[in-house]
């Protein structure tokens, strides 16, 4: 029985070569697919950002 599909949206982006290389290395070391790694990294960044009061939310 196949897994149910998750609710998702496709995203097509261009990354700086240096960032792409770091992502590749991170995925090799952790054994995570790029999608999972990026979802987790973005989730952590957004939780940190939105945990700050609205007036103090300034991207770094």
Protein backbone atom coordinates (compact mmCIF):
# COMPACT_ATOMS: atom_id res chain seq x y z
CA UNK A 1 0.00 0.00 0.00
CA UNK A 2 1.56 3.34 -1.05
CA UNK A 3 2.08 6.17 1.40
CA UNK A 4 -0.48 8.97 1.19
CA UNK A 5 0.83 12.02 -0.63
CA UNK A 6 1.67 14.95 1.60
CA UNK A 7 0.17 18.34 1.02
CA UNK A 8 2.95 20.15 -0.82
CA UNK A 9 3.77 22.96 -3.23
CA UNK A 10 6.57 22.78 -5.80
CA UNK A 11 9.32 25.37 -5.56
CA UNK A 12 11.86 26.10 -8.28
CA UNK A 13 14.76 28.30 -7.17
CA UNK A 14 18.31 29.22 -8.12
CA UNK A 15 20.84 28.91 -5.32
CA UNK A 16 24.25 30.47 -5.16
CA UNK A 17 26.82 27.81 -6.01
CA UNK A 18 28.40 28.05 -2.56
CA UNK A 19 25.04 27.49 -0.84
CA UNK A 20 24.23 24.60 -3.18
CA UNK A 21 27.58 22.98 -2.42
CA UNK A 22 26.96 23.32 1.32
CA UNK A 23 23.50 21.77 0.90
CA UNK A 24 24.98 18.86 -1.06
CA UNK A 25 27.59 18.24 1.65
CA UNK A 26 24.98 18.54 4.41
CA UNK A 27 22.74 16.00 2.68
CA UNK A 28 25.65 13.57 2.18
CA UNK A 29 26.62 13.83 5.85
CA UNK A 30 23.09 13.55 7.24
CA UNK A 31 21.69 11.12 4.68
CA UNK A 32 18.68 13.37 4.15
CA UNK A 33 17.14 14.09 0.77
CA UNK A 34 17.42 17.75 -0.26
CA UNK A 35 13.67 18.31 0.16
CA UNK A 36 13.69 17.06 3.75
CA UNK A 37 16.84 19.01 4.61
CA UNK A 38 15.48 22.26 3.17
CA UNK A 39 12.08 21.80 4.85
CA UNK A 40 13.75 21.28 8.24
CA UNK A 41 16.18 24.16 7.81
CA UNK A 42 13.41 26.57 6.73
CA UNK A 43 11.10 25.34 9.50
CA UNK A 44 13.77 26.07 12.14
CA UNK A 45 14.52 29.51 10.64
CA UNK A 46 10.83 30.47 10.48
CA UNK A 47 10.13 29.26 14.04
CA UNK A 48 13.02 31.40 15.25
CA UNK A 49 11.85 34.41 13.23
CA UNK A 50 8.19 34.19 14.24
CA UNK A 51 9.03 33.59 17.91
CA UNK A 52 10.20 37.21 18.08
CA UNK A 53 7.73 40.03 18.75
CA UNK A 54 6.45 41.66 15.54
CA UNK A 55 8.32 44.92 16.07
CA UNK A 56 11.63 43.09 16.45
CA UNK A 57 11.36 40.82 13.39
CA UNK A 58 14.24 42.00 11.29
CA UNK A 59 15.80 39.45 8.93
CA UNK A 60 19.53 38.96 9.46
